[in-house]
Amino acid sequence: MTRILMVCTANICRSPMAQIVSTYLAKQAGLAGQVKIESAGTQANRISDPTDPRAVAALAKRNYPSTKIRSRRVAEADFERCDLILAMDQSNLNDLRQVCAGEHVHKLRMFLEFAPELGLLDVPDPYFGGPQGFERVLDLCEAATIGLIAHLKGDIAQTLQTL
């Protein structure tokens, strides 16, 4: 099983949205049981807070399933347990690099690397804005997830060929 951790700052907006979108689309792509997607925050000071209601509303508007995701902070064990750790922005990636042991640094990437056609690397934090910011984050999550799924399908197919 491939384990992926989506990471933003507080784990109440971007990373839970990325987790929900990626989990749903991976299942639709036939990867259920092959991929486990979680989320966490680099500075999740409000541990166990629910996903921001504006994020939940944006997800519901596009018919994504509701979940009971609660915020949590990135843990040391995540670096060993996860195969990919995807940062929502450069600041999150820098924070991850500061606490990641050297043997796991290769797992750290930007989420939007999987959507190079966008010409962006940072998923903007919608927390201090209105609903349109959450819609924009959702657009970016969907685009990046499509690329991530293509990447995962390639890796899984390659692994099966070597067995």
C-alpha atoms as a PDB file:
ATOM      1  CA  MET A   1       0.000   0.000   0.000  1.00  0.00           C
ATOM      2  CA  THR A   2       1.212   3.497  -0.860  1.00  0.00           C
ATOM      3  CA  ARG A   3       0.809   5.968   2.009  1.00  0.00           C
ATOM      4  CA  ILE A   4       0.551   9.684   1.245  1.00  0.00           C
ATOM      5  CA  LEU A   5       0.462  12.573   3.705  1.00  0.00           C
ATOM      6  CA  MET A   6      -0.959  15.934   2.603  1.00  0.00           C
ATOM      7  CA  VAL A   7       0.500  18.796   4.643  1.00  0.00           C
ATOM      8  CA  CYS A   8      -0.516  22.423   5.154  1.00  0.00           C
ATOM      9  CA  THR A   9      -0.064  24.754   8.100  1.00  0.00           C
ATOM     10  CA  ALA A  10      -2.971  24.107  10.478  1.00  0.00           C
ATOM     11  CA  ASN A  11      -4.559  21.032   8.869  1.00  0.00           C
ATOM     12  CA  ILE A  12      -8.023  22.587   8.748  1.00  0.00           C
ATOM     13  CA  CYS A  13      -8.300  23.854   5.145  1.00  0.00           C
ATOM     14  CA  ARG A  14      -5.936  22.846   2.351  1.00  0.00           C
ATOM     15  CA  SER A  15      -4.580  19.485   3.466  1.00  0.00           C
ATOM     16  CA  PRO A  16      -7.970  18.043   4.508  1.00  0.00           C
ATOM     17  CA  MET A  17      -9.400  19.206   1.170  1.00  0.00           C
ATOM     18  CA  ALA A  18      -6.494  17.539  -0.646  1.00  0.00           C
ATOM     19  CA  GLN A  19      -6.994  14.372   1.420  1.00  0.00           C
ATOM     20  CA  ILE A  20     -10.702  14.170   0.645  1.00  0.00           C
ATOM     21  CA  VAL A  21     -10.329  14.923  -3.075  1.00  0.00           C
ATOM     22  CA  SER A  22      -7.383  12.552  -3.508  1.00  0.00           C
ATOM     23  CA  THR A  23      -9.020   9.720  -1.575  1.00  0.00           C
ATOM     24  CA  TYR A  24     -12.234  10.045  -3.563  1.00  0.00           C
ATOM     25  CA  LEU A  25     -10.587  10.335  -6.985  1.00  0.00           C
ATOM     26  CA  ALA A  26      -8.124   7.515  -6.235  1.00  0.00           C
ATOM     27  CA  LYS A  27     -11.062   5.277  -5.388  1.00  0.00           C
ATOM     28  CA  GLN A  28     -12.802   6.317  -8.627  1.00  0.00           C
ATOM     29  CA  ALA A  29      -9.583   5.437 -10.506  1.00  0.00           C
ATOM     30  CA  GLY A  30      -9.559   1.910  -9.098  1.00  0.00           C
ATOM     31  CA  LEU A  31      -6.854   2.483  -6.468  1.00  0.00           C
ATOM     32  CA  ALA A  32      -8.989   1.732  -3.405  1.00  0.00           C
ATOM     33  CA  GLY A  33      -7.014  -0.523  -1.083  1.00  0.00           C
ATOM     34  CA  GLN A  34      -3.762   0.415  -2.805  1.00  0.00           C
ATOM     35  CA  VAL A  35      -3.458   3.994  -1.568  1.00  0.00           C
ATOM     36  CA  LYS A  36      -4.001   5.489   1.898  1.00  0.00           C
ATOM     37  CA  ILE A  37      -4.149   9.285   2.084  1.00  0.00           C
ATOM     38  CA  GLU A  38      -3.984  11.289   5.307  1.00  0.00           C
ATOM     39  CA  SER A  39      -3.387  14.910   6.243  1.00  0.00           C
ATOM     40  CA  ALA A  40      -1.536  16.859   8.929  1.00  0.00           C
ATOM     41  CA  GLY A  41      -0.217  20.332   9.655  1.00  0.00           C
ATOM     42  CA  THR A  42       3.252  21.689  10.276  1.00  0.00           C
ATOM     43  CA  GLN A  43       1.944  24.089  12.917  1.00  0.00           C
ATOM     44  CA  ALA A  44      -1.371  22.502  13.866  1.00  0.00           C
ATOM     45  CA  ASN A  45      -1.780  24.261  17.184  1.00  0.00           C
ATOM     46  CA  ARG A  46      -5.505  23.595  17.371  1.00  0.00           C
ATOM     47  CA  ILE A  47      -5.243  19.813  17.613  1.00  0.00           C
ATOM     48  CA  SER A  48      -8.473  17.907  16.907  1.00  0.00           C
ATOM     49  CA  ASP A  49     -10.258  20.886  15.346  1.00  0.00           C
ATOM     50  CA  PRO A  50     -12.651  19.908  12.556  1.00  0.00           C
ATOM     51  CA  THR A  51     -12.123  20.898   8.946  1.00  0.00           C
ATOM     52  CA  ASP A  52     -13.052  24.557   8.320  1.00  0.00           C
ATOM     53  CA  PRO A  53     -16.796  24.808   7.541  1.00  0.00           C
ATOM     54  CA  ARG A  54     -16.042  26.788   4.368  1.00  0.00           C
ATOM     55  CA  ALA A  55     -13.873  23.917   3.105  1.00  0.00           C
ATOM     56  CA  VAL A  56     -16.621  21.439   3.980  1.00  0.00           C
ATOM     57  CA  ALA A  57     -19.160  23.589   2.089  1.00  0.00           C
ATOM     58  CA  ALA A  58     -16.946  23.807  -1.018  1.00  0.00           C
ATOM     59  CA  LEU A  59     -16.420  20.034  -0.978  1.00  0.00           C
ATOM     60  CA  ALA A  60     -20.145  19.360  -0.499  1.00  0.00           C
ATOM     61  CA  LYS A  61     -20.986  21.686  -3.388  1.00  0.00           C
ATOM     62  CA  ARG A  62     -18.990  19.353  -5.669  1.00  0.00           C
ATOM     63  CA  ASN A  63     -20.456  16.221  -4.086  1.00  0.00           C
ATOM     64  CA  TYR A  64     -17.347  14.993  -2.289  1.00  0.00           C
ATOM     65  CA  PRO A  65     -18.175  12.722   0.646  1.00  0.00           C
ATOM     66  CA  SER A  66     -18.124  14.312   4.061  1.00  0.00           C
ATOM     67  CA  THR A  67     -15.596  13.060   6.575  1.00  0.00           C
ATOM     68  CA  LYS A  68     -14.761  13.564  10.203  1.00  0.00           C
ATOM     69  CA  ILE A  69     -11.163  14.710   9.681  1.00  0.00           C
ATOM     70  CA  ARG A  70      -9.649  16.318  12.783  1.00  0.00           C
ATOM     71  CA  SER A  71      -6.514  18.443  12.691  1.00  0.00           C
ATOM     72  CA  ARG A  72      -3.246  16.976  13.836  1.00  0.00           C
ATOM     73  CA  ARG A  73       0.394  17.937  13.702  1.00  0.00           C
ATOM     74  CA  VAL A  74       2.941  16.135  11.525  1.00  0.00           C
ATOM     75  CA  ALA A  75       4.597  13.479  13.696  1.00  0.00           C
ATOM     76  CA  GLU A  76       8.093  12.043  13.468  1.00  0.00           C
ATOM     77  CA  ALA A  77       6.605   8.643  12.626  1.00  0.00           C
ATOM     78  CA  ASP A  78       4.923  10.108   9.524  1.00  0.00           C
ATOM     79  CA  PHE A  79       8.286  10.491   7.805  1.00  0.00           C
ATOM     80  CA  GLU A  80       9.042   6.796   8.117  1.00  0.00           C
ATOM     81  CA  ARG A  81       5.500   5.485   7.598  1.00  0.00           C
ATOM     82  CA  CYS A  82       4.571   7.532   4.513  1.00  0.00           C
ATOM     83  CA  ASP A  83       5.854   7.044   0.974  1.00  0.00           C
ATOM     84  CA  LEU A  84       5.060  10.587  -0.175  1.00  0.00           C
ATOM     85  CA  ILE A  85       4.673  13.721   1.919  1.00  0.00           C
ATOM     86  CA  LEU A  86       3.127  16.497  -0.144  1.00  0.00           C
ATOM     87  CA  ALA A  87       3.395  20.113   1.002  1.00  0.00           C
ATOM     88  CA  MET A  88       0.775  22.672   0.034  1.00  0.00           C
ATOM     89  CA  ASP A  89       3.272  25.541  -0.157  1.00  0.00           C
ATOM     90  CA  GLN A  90       6.965  26.351   0.026  1.00  0.00           C
ATOM     91  CA  SER A  91       6.738  27.405   3.675  1.00  0.00           C
ATOM     92  CA  ASN A  92       5.267  24.016   4.589  1.00  0.00           C
ATOM     93  CA  LEU A  93       7.984  22.261   2.600  1.00  0.00           C
ATOM     94  CA  ASN A  94      10.677  24.276   4.401  1.00  0.00           C
ATOM     95  CA  ASP A  95       9.133  23.383   7.779  1.00  0.00           C
ATOM     96  CA  LEU A  96       9.055  19.700   6.822  1.00  0.00           C
ATOM     97  CA  ARG A  97      12.687  19.750   5.706  1.00  0.00           C
ATOM     98  CA  GLN A  98      13.730  21.160   9.088  1.00  0.00           C
ATOM     99  CA  VAL A  99      12.295  18.205  11.011  1.00  0.00           C
ATOM    100  CA  CYS A 100      12.693  15.368   8.506  1.00  0.00           C
ATOM    101  CA  ALA A 101      15.522  12.889   9.006  1.00  0.00           C
ATOM    102  CA  GLY A 102      17.929  12.788   6.071  1.00  0.00           C
ATOM    103  CA  GLU A 103      16.962   9.292   4.933  1.00  0.00           C
ATOM    104  CA  HIS A 104      13.358  10.448   4.326  1.00  0.00           C
ATOM    105  CA  VAL A 105      13.928  13.806   2.603  1.00  0.00           C
ATOM    106  CA  HIS A 106      13.365  12.190  -0.812  1.00  0.00           C
ATOM    107  CA  LYS A 107       9.693  11.687   0.154  1.00  0.00           C
ATOM    108  CA  LEU A 108       9.051  15.437   0.457  1.00  0.00           C
ATOM    109  CA  ARG A 109       7.462  17.119  -2.555  1.00  0.00           C
ATOM    110  CA  MET A 110       5.093  19.900  -3.460  1.00  0.00           C
ATOM    111  CA  PHE A 111       1.516  18.762  -4.165  1.00  0.00           C
ATOM    112  CA  LEU A 112       1.240  20.986  -7.237  1.00  0.00           C
ATOM    113  CA  GLU A 113       4.292  19.337  -8.810  1.00  0.00           C
ATOM    114  CA  PHE A 114       1.707  16.858 -10.061  1.00  0.00           C
ATOM    115  CA  ALA A 115      -0.047  19.603 -12.041  1.00  0.00           C
ATOM    116  CA  PRO A 116       2.841  21.263 -13.926  1.00  0.00           C
ATOM    117  CA  GLU A 117       0.420  22.658 -16.500  1.00  0.00           C
ATOM    118  CA  LEU A 118      -0.793  25.139 -13.863  1.00  0.00           C
ATOM    119  CA  GLY A 119       2.591  26.846 -13.612  1.00  0.00           C
ATOM    120  CA  LEU A 120       2.184  27.064  -9.813  1.00  0.00           C
ATOM    121  CA  LEU A 121       3.783  25.366  -6.849  1.00  0.00           C
ATOM    122  CA  ASP A 122       1.881  26.904  -3.918  1.00  0.00           C
ATOM    123  CA  VAL A 123      -1.718  26.142  -3.028  1.00  0.00           C
ATOM    124  CA  PRO A 124      -2.811  29.481  -1.499  1.00  0.00           C
ATOM    125  CA  ASP A 125      -4.147  29.445   2.063  1.00  0.00           C
ATOM    126  CA  PRO A 126      -7.848  30.393   1.874  1.00  0.00           C
ATOM    127  CA  TYR A 127      -8.326  30.788   5.632  1.00  0.00           C
ATOM    128  CA  PHE A 128      -8.471  34.583   5.777  1.00  0.00           C
ATOM    129  CA  GLY A 129     -10.566  34.978   2.623  1.00  0.00           C
ATOM    130  CA  GLY A 130     -14.030  34.153   1.428  1.00  0.00           C
ATOM    131  CA  PRO A 131     -15.666  31.146  -0.238  1.00  0.00           C
ATOM    132  CA  GLN A 132     -14.006  31.841  -3.602  1.00  0.00           C
ATOM    133  CA  GLY A 133     -10.617  31.028  -2.045  1.00  0.00           C
ATOM    134  CA  PHE A 134     -11.863  27.603  -1.023  1.00  0.00           C
ATOM    135  CA  GLU A 135     -13.236  27.018  -4.526  1.00  0.00           C
ATOM    136  CA  ARG A 136      -9.809  27.925  -5.949  1.00  0.00           C
ATOM    137  CA  VAL A 137      -8.072  25.499  -3.569  1.00  0.00           C
ATOM    138  CA  LEU A 138     -10.502  22.797  -4.619  1.00  0.00           C
ATOM    139  CA  ASP A 139      -9.716  23.460  -8.316  1.00  0.00           C
ATOM    140  CA  LEU A 140      -5.987  23.110  -7.565  1.00  0.00           C
ATOM    141  CA  CYS A 141      -6.516  19.940  -5.507  1.00  0.00           C
ATOM    142  CA  GLU A 142      -8.461  18.328  -8.330  1.00  0.00           C
ATOM    143  CA  ALA A 143      -5.798  19.212 -10.920  1.00  0.00           C
ATOM    144  CA  ALA A 144      -2.929  17.958  -8.747  1.00  0.00           C
ATOM    145  CA  THR A 145      -4.791  14.780  -7.833  1.00  0.00           C
ATOM    146  CA  ILE A 146      -5.258  13.866 -11.497  1.00  0.00           C
ATOM    147  CA  GLY A 147      -1.483  14.044 -11.954  1.00  0.00           C
ATOM    148  CA  LEU A 148      -0.851  12.236  -8.671  1.00  0.00           C
ATOM    149  CA  ILE A 149      -3.127   9.374  -9.713  1.00  0.00           C
ATOM    150  CA  ALA A 150      -1.339   9.056 -13.053  1.00  0.00           C
ATOM    151  CA  HIS A 151       1.969   8.945 -11.148  1.00  0.00           C
ATOM    152  CA  LEU A 152       0.637   6.332  -8.722  1.00  0.00           C
ATOM    153  CA  LYS A 153      -0.789   4.146 -11.476  1.00  0.00           C
ATOM    154  CA  GLY A 154       2.587   4.192 -13.195  1.00  0.00           C
ATOM    155  CA  ASP A 155       4.390   3.213  -9.977  1.00  0.00           C
ATOM    156  CA  ILE A 156       1.908   0.453  -9.169  1.00  0.00           C
ATOM    157  CA  ALA A 157       2.069  -0.958 -12.701  1.00  0.00           C
ATOM    158  CA  GLN A 158       5.879  -0.922 -12.583  1.00  0.00           C
ATOM    159  CA  THR A 159       5.873  -2.704  -9.210  1.00  0.00           C
ATOM    160  CA  LEU A 160       3.496  -5.392 -10.493  1.00  0.00           C
ATOM    161  CA  GLN A 161       5.719  -5.999 -13.528  1.00  0.00           C
ATOM    162  CA  THR A 162       8.715  -6.703 -11.286  1.00  0.00           C
ATOM    163  CA  LEU A 163       6.887  -9.283  -9.153  1.00  0.00           C
END
